[in-house]
C-alpha atoms as a PDB file:
ATOM      1  CA  UNK A   1     -41.184 -21.222   1.583  1.00  0.00           C
ATOM      2  CA  UNK A   2     -37.459 -22.888   2.474  1.00  0.00           C
ATOM      3  CA  UNK A   3     -36.828 -24.274  -0.499  1.00  0.00           C
ATOM      4  CA  UNK A   4     -37.902 -21.153  -2.427  1.00  0.00           C
ATOM      5  CA  UNK A   5     -35.419 -18.417   0.077  1.00  0.00           C
ATOM      6  CA  UNK A   6     -32.709 -21.265  -0.648  1.00  0.00           C
ATOM      7  CA  UNK A   7     -33.326 -21.208  -4.710  1.00  0.00           C
ATOM      8  CA  UNK A   8     -33.856 -17.541  -5.353  1.00  0.00           C
ATOM      9  CA  UNK A   9     -30.548 -16.836  -2.820  1.00  0.00           C
ATOM     10  CA  UNK A  10     -29.062 -18.999  -4.831  1.00  0.00           C
ATOM     11  CA  UNK A  11     -29.375 -17.909  -8.732  1.00  0.00           C
ATOM     12  CA  UNK A  12     -29.778 -14.273  -7.974  1.00  0.00           C
ATOM     13  CA  UNK A  13     -27.604 -13.480  -5.138  1.00  0.00           C
ATOM     14  CA  UNK A  14     -23.985 -16.339  -5.995  1.00  0.00           C
ATOM     15  CA  UNK A  15     -24.034 -14.376  -9.596  1.00  0.00           C
ATOM     16  CA  UNK A  16     -23.891 -10.669  -7.796  1.00  0.00           C
ATOM     17  CA  UNK A  17     -21.057 -11.369  -5.910  1.00  0.00           C
ATOM     18  CA  UNK A  18     -19.173 -13.213  -8.969  1.00  0.00           C
ATOM     19  CA  UNK A  19     -20.169  -9.694 -10.511  1.00  0.00           C
ATOM     20  CA  UNK A  20     -19.428  -7.618  -7.563  1.00  0.00           C
ATOM     21  CA  UNK A  21     -15.999  -9.204  -7.402  1.00  0.00           C
ATOM     22  CA  UNK A  22     -15.474  -8.369 -10.912  1.00  0.00           C
ATOM     23  CA  UNK A  23     -15.851  -5.237 -10.984  1.00  0.00           C
ATOM     24  CA  UNK A  24     -13.046  -4.523  -8.326  1.00  0.00           C
ATOM     25  CA  UNK A  25     -10.774  -5.568 -10.433  1.00  0.00           C
ATOM     26  CA  UNK A  26     -12.337  -3.665 -13.656  1.00  0.00           C
ATOM     27  CA  UNK A  27     -12.449  -0.903 -10.617  1.00  0.00           C
ATOM     28  CA  UNK A  28      -8.388  -0.750 -10.268  1.00  0.00           C
ATOM     29  CA  UNK A  29      -7.505  -1.182 -13.655  1.00  0.00           C
ATOM     30  CA  UNK A  30      -9.704   1.322 -15.119  1.00  0.00           C
ATOM     31  CA  UNK A  31      -8.590   3.081 -12.464  1.00  0.00           C
ATOM     32  CA  UNK A  32      -4.618   2.447 -13.743  1.00  0.00           C
ATOM     33  CA  UNK A  33      -5.590   3.416 -16.723  1.00  0.00           C
ATOM     34  CA  UNK A  34      -6.171  -0.445 -18.755  1.00  0.00           C
ATOM     35  CA  UNK A  35      -9.253   0.258 -20.828  1.00  0.00           C
ATOM     36  CA  UNK A  36     -11.963  -2.284 -19.806  1.00  0.00           C
ATOM     37  CA  UNK A  37     -13.044  -5.112 -23.072  1.00  0.00           C
ATOM     38  CA  UNK A  38     -14.904  -7.744 -21.208  1.00  0.00           C
ATOM     39  CA  UNK A  39     -16.668  -8.231 -17.796  1.00  0.00           C
ATOM     40  CA  UNK A  40     -17.759 -12.529 -18.086  1.00  0.00           C
ATOM     41  CA  UNK A  41     -20.541 -14.317 -15.876  1.00  0.00           C
ATOM     42  CA  UNK A  42     -19.787 -18.293 -15.670  1.00  0.00           C
ATOM     43  CA  UNK A  43     -18.469 -20.642 -17.861  1.00  0.00           C
ATOM     44  CA  UNK A  44     -19.867 -22.199 -20.883  1.00  0.00           C
ATOM     45  CA  UNK A  45     -22.301 -20.628 -23.872  1.00  0.00           C
ATOM     46  CA  UNK A  46     -23.021 -16.940 -24.293  1.00  0.00           C
ATOM     47  CA  UNK A  47     -26.592 -16.486 -23.250  1.00  0.00           C
ATOM     48  CA  UNK A  48     -26.642 -12.748 -23.687  1.00  0.00           C
ATOM     49  CA  UNK A  49     -24.725  -9.721 -23.592  1.00  0.00           C
ATOM     50  CA  UNK A  50     -24.761  -6.858 -21.637  1.00  0.00           C
ATOM     51  CA  UNK A  51     -22.804  -4.046 -22.942  1.00  0.00           C
ATOM     52  CA  UNK A  52     -19.461  -5.161 -22.019  1.00  0.00           C
ATOM     53  CA  UNK A  53     -21.107  -8.405 -19.104  1.00  0.00           C
ATOM     54  CA  UNK A  54     -21.664 -11.293 -21.152  1.00  0.00           C
ATOM     55  CA  UNK A  55     -23.805 -14.133 -19.416  1.00  0.00           C
ATOM     56  CA  UNK A  56     -22.772 -17.713 -20.090  1.00  0.00           C
ATOM     57  CA  UNK A  57     -24.783 -20.991 -19.396  1.00  0.00           C
ATOM     58  CA  UNK A  58     -22.750 -21.691 -16.249  1.00  0.00           C
ATOM     59  CA  UNK A  59     -23.699 -18.821 -14.456  1.00  0.00           C
ATOM     60  CA  UNK A  60     -23.335 -19.597 -11.370  1.00  0.00           C
ATOM     61  CA  UNK A  61     -19.804 -20.905 -11.665  1.00  0.00           C
ATOM     62  CA  UNK A  62     -17.744 -17.728 -11.363  1.00  0.00           C
ATOM     63  CA  UNK A  63     -16.635 -14.795 -13.117  1.00  0.00           C
ATOM     64  CA  UNK A  64     -13.173 -12.822 -15.691  1.00  0.00           C
ATOM     65  CA  UNK A  65     -12.883  -9.441 -16.082  1.00  0.00           C
ATOM     66  CA  UNK A  66     -10.551  -8.605 -19.033  1.00  0.00           C
ATOM     67  CA  UNK A  67      -8.457  -5.421 -19.744  1.00  0.00           C
ATOM     68  CA  UNK A  68      -5.877  -3.890 -21.901  1.00  0.00           C
ATOM     69  CA  UNK A  69      -4.020  -1.118 -22.544  1.00  0.00           C
ATOM     70  CA  UNK A  70      -3.260  -0.374 -19.083  1.00  0.00           C
ATOM     71  CA  UNK A  71      -1.595   2.809 -18.860  1.00  0.00           C
ATOM     72  CA  UNK A  72       0.425   3.269 -15.017  1.00  0.00           C
ATOM     73  CA  UNK A  73       1.992  -0.884 -15.658  1.00  0.00           C
ATOM     74  CA  UNK A  74       3.479  -1.800 -12.350  1.00  0.00           C
ATOM     75  CA  UNK A  75       4.152  -4.204  -9.718  1.00  0.00           C
ATOM     76  CA  UNK A  76       1.961  -2.586  -7.952  1.00  0.00           C
ATOM     77  CA  UNK A  77      -1.053  -1.485  -9.914  1.00  0.00           C
ATOM     78  CA  UNK A  78      -1.273  -5.519 -10.947  1.00  0.00           C
ATOM     79  CA  UNK A  79      -1.025  -6.862  -7.801  1.00  0.00           C
ATOM     80  CA  UNK A  80      -4.232  -4.153  -6.623  1.00  0.00           C
ATOM     81  CA  UNK A  81      -5.933  -5.451  -9.023  1.00  0.00           C
ATOM     82  CA  UNK A  82      -5.033  -8.133  -8.670  1.00  0.00           C
ATOM     83  CA  UNK A  83      -6.636  -7.730  -4.844  1.00  0.00           C
ATOM     84  CA  UNK A  84      -9.529  -4.634  -6.886  1.00  0.00           C
ATOM     85  CA  UNK A  85     -12.079  -8.648  -6.663  1.00  0.00           C
ATOM     86  CA  UNK A  86     -11.521  -9.154  -3.226  1.00  0.00           C
ATOM     87  CA  UNK A  87     -11.868  -5.626  -2.137  1.00  0.00           C
ATOM     88  CA  UNK A  88     -14.907  -5.070  -3.146  1.00  0.00           C
ATOM     89  CA  UNK A  89     -16.290  -8.021  -1.661  1.00  0.00           C
ATOM     90  CA  UNK A  90     -14.594  -7.371   1.343  1.00  0.00           C
ATOM     91  CA  UNK A  91     -16.828  -3.458   1.149  1.00  0.00           C
ATOM     92  CA  UNK A  92     -20.421  -4.995   0.031  1.00  0.00           C
ATOM     93  CA  UNK A  93     -19.780  -7.549   2.977  1.00  0.00           C
ATOM     94  CA  UNK A  94     -19.385  -4.567   5.171  1.00  0.00           C
ATOM     95  CA  UNK A  95     -21.915  -2.797   3.096  1.00  0.00           C
ATOM     96  CA  UNK A  96     -24.955  -5.311   4.022  1.00  0.00           C
ATOM     97  CA  UNK A  97     -23.820  -7.183   7.456  1.00  0.00           C
ATOM     98  CA  UNK A  98     -22.550  -3.233   9.465  1.00  0.00           C
ATOM     99  CA  UNK A  99     -26.689  -1.500   8.699  1.00  0.00           C
ATOM    100  CA  UNK A 100     -28.518  -5.490   9.777  1.00  0.00           C
ATOM    101  CA  UNK A 101     -26.977  -5.808  12.525  1.00  0.00           C
ATOM    102  CA  UNK A 102     -28.091  -1.785  12.954  1.00  0.00           C
ATOM    103  CA  UNK A 103     -31.782  -2.422  11.604  1.00  0.00           C
ATOM    104  CA  UNK A 104     -31.937  -6.525  13.445  1.00  0.00           C
ATOM    105  CA  UNK A 105     -32.634  -5.102  16.820  1.00  0.00           C
ATOM    106  CA  UNK A 106     -35.577  -2.715  15.478  1.00  0.00           C
ATOM    107  CA  UNK A 107     -36.392  -5.331  12.621  1.00  0.00           C
ATOM    108  CA  UNK A 108     -36.120  -8.419  13.570  1.00  0.00           C
ATOM    109  CA  UNK A 109     -35.004 -10.063  10.203  1.00  0.00           C
ATOM    110  CA  UNK A 110     -34.555 -13.465  11.376  1.00  0.00           C
ATOM    111  CA  UNK A 111     -38.777 -12.880  10.883  1.00  0.00           C
ATOM    112  CA  UNK A 112     -38.637 -12.343   7.133  1.00  0.00           C
ATOM    113  CA  UNK A 113     -37.652 -16.230   5.942  1.00  0.00           C
ATOM    114  CA  UNK A 114     -36.885 -14.850   2.402  1.00  0.00           C
ATOM    115  CA  UNK A 115     -34.416 -11.845   3.688  1.00  0.00           C
ATOM    116  CA  UNK A 116     -32.567 -14.184   6.322  1.00  0.00           C
ATOM    117  CA  UNK A 117     -31.930 -16.912   3.676  1.00  0.00           C
ATOM    118  CA  UNK A 118     -30.731 -13.859   1.328  1.00  0.00           C
ATOM    119  CA  UNK A 119     -28.752 -12.043   4.236  1.00  0.00           C
ATOM    120  CA  UNK A 120     -27.054 -14.821   4.980  1.00  0.00           C
ATOM    121  CA  UNK A 121     -26.304 -16.553   1.893  1.00  0.00           C
ATOM    122  CA  UNK A 122     -24.779 -13.069   0.589  1.00  0.00           C
ATOM    123  CA  UNK A 123     -22.816 -12.967   3.394  1.00  0.00           C
ATOM    124  CA  UNK A 124     -22.177 -16.429   3.465  1.00  0.00           C
ATOM    125  CA  UNK A 125     -21.041 -16.477   0.286  1.00  0.00           C
ATOM    126  CA  UNK A 126     -18.751 -13.790  -0.221  1.00  0.00           C
ATOM    127  CA  UNK A 127     -16.844 -14.981   2.562  1.00  0.00           C
ATOM    128  CA  UNK A 128     -15.536 -18.525   0.450  1.00  0.00           C
ATOM    129  CA  UNK A 129     -15.739 -16.063  -2.568  1.00  0.00           C
ATOM    130  CA  UNK A 130     -12.612 -13.772  -0.940  1.00  0.00           C
ATOM    131  CA  UNK A 131     -11.497 -17.031   1.210  1.00  0.00           C
ATOM    132  CA  UNK A 132     -11.056 -18.771  -2.495  1.00  0.00           C
ATOM    133  CA  UNK A 133      -9.778 -15.755  -3.973  1.00  0.00           C
ATOM    134  CA  UNK A 134      -7.134 -15.334  -1.937  1.00  0.00           C
ATOM    135  CA  UNK A 135      -5.538 -18.837  -1.488  1.00  0.00           C
ATOM    136  CA  UNK A 136      -3.247 -19.622  -3.791  1.00  0.00           C
ATOM    137  CA  UNK A 137      -4.376 -22.662  -5.808  1.00  0.00           C
ATOM    138  CA  UNK A 138      -4.053 -24.108  -9.037  1.00  0.00           C
ATOM    139  CA  UNK A 139      -7.752 -24.679 -11.080  1.00  0.00           C
ATOM    140  CA  UNK A 140      -8.456 -26.493 -13.482  1.00  0.00           C
ATOM    141  CA  UNK A 141      -8.374 -24.081 -16.448  1.00  0.00           C
ATOM    142  CA  UNK A 142      -7.759 -20.520 -14.664  1.00  0.00           C
ATOM    143  CA  UNK A 143      -5.696 -19.602 -11.136  1.00  0.00           C
ATOM    144  CA  UNK A 144      -7.084 -18.118  -8.458  1.00  0.00           C
ATOM    145  CA  UNK A 145      -6.047 -14.725  -7.852  1.00  0.00           C
ATOM    146  CA  UNK A 146      -4.529 -16.101  -4.195  1.00  0.00           C
ATOM    147  CA  UNK A 147      -1.979 -17.815  -6.779  1.00  0.00           C
ATOM    148  CA  UNK A 148      -1.177 -14.844  -9.483  1.00  0.00           C
ATOM    149  CA  UNK A 149      -0.576 -12.681  -6.401  1.00  0.00           C
ATOM    150  CA  UNK A 150       1.699 -15.168  -5.570  1.00  0.00           C
ATOM    151  CA  UNK A 151       4.159 -15.477  -8.433  1.00  0.00           C
ATOM    152  CA  UNK A 152       3.383 -11.753  -9.204  1.00  0.00           C
ATOM    153  CA  UNK A 153       5.243 -10.872  -5.293  1.00  0.00           C
ATOM    154  CA  UNK A 154       7.894 -13.776  -5.109  1.00  0.00           C
ATOM    155  CA  UNK A 155       8.774 -14.377  -9.901  1.00  0.00           C
ATOM    156  CA  UNK A 156       7.765 -10.409 -10.957  1.00  0.00           C
ATOM    157  CA  UNK A 157       4.937 -12.510 -13.102  1.00  0.00           C
ATOM    158  CA  UNK A 158       1.684 -14.366 -13.844  1.00  0.00           C
ATOM    159  CA  UNK A 159       0.082 -16.406 -15.468  1.00  0.00           C
ATOM    160  CA  UNK A 160      -1.965 -13.325 -15.768  1.00  0.00           C
ATOM    161  CA  UNK A 161       0.451 -10.829 -16.489  1.00  0.00           C
ATOM    162  CA  UNK A 162       3.477 -12.522 -18.099  1.00  0.00           C
ATOM    163  CA  UNK A 163       5.870  -9.413 -18.652  1.00  0.00           C
END
């Protein structure tokens, strides 16, 4: 049962964490008047589309969110949009962790292998997504949110925001 729990946690929890991250970017873009055009999970060939959500064959390999027509276009709005994914990941970690901490002594989450695996996978991978995205790293085909944030603050533009 341990391997099944782990595989379930990986194949369901990681895309959920990535989706939460991308919804965070989209949420802040929407707050500043942007029209959300697309949210993508993964890379490679598109396997399905649900509304504005595209799911790609390598759905565990990151994600993107796209918007246009930002009405409140300022440095602060761009910074908050870049931080939106990490903000949403932190909020959802707290929403999972705090109730689990309160319920743990009463219900002993550790006694349920599936719940324990999903709980730990969610927290660990959320933390990794947060850490990875705040580090200023250049990727093969894109820059992390942290590098785009650094470029925006330091130079007034980034690979995402060229103006």
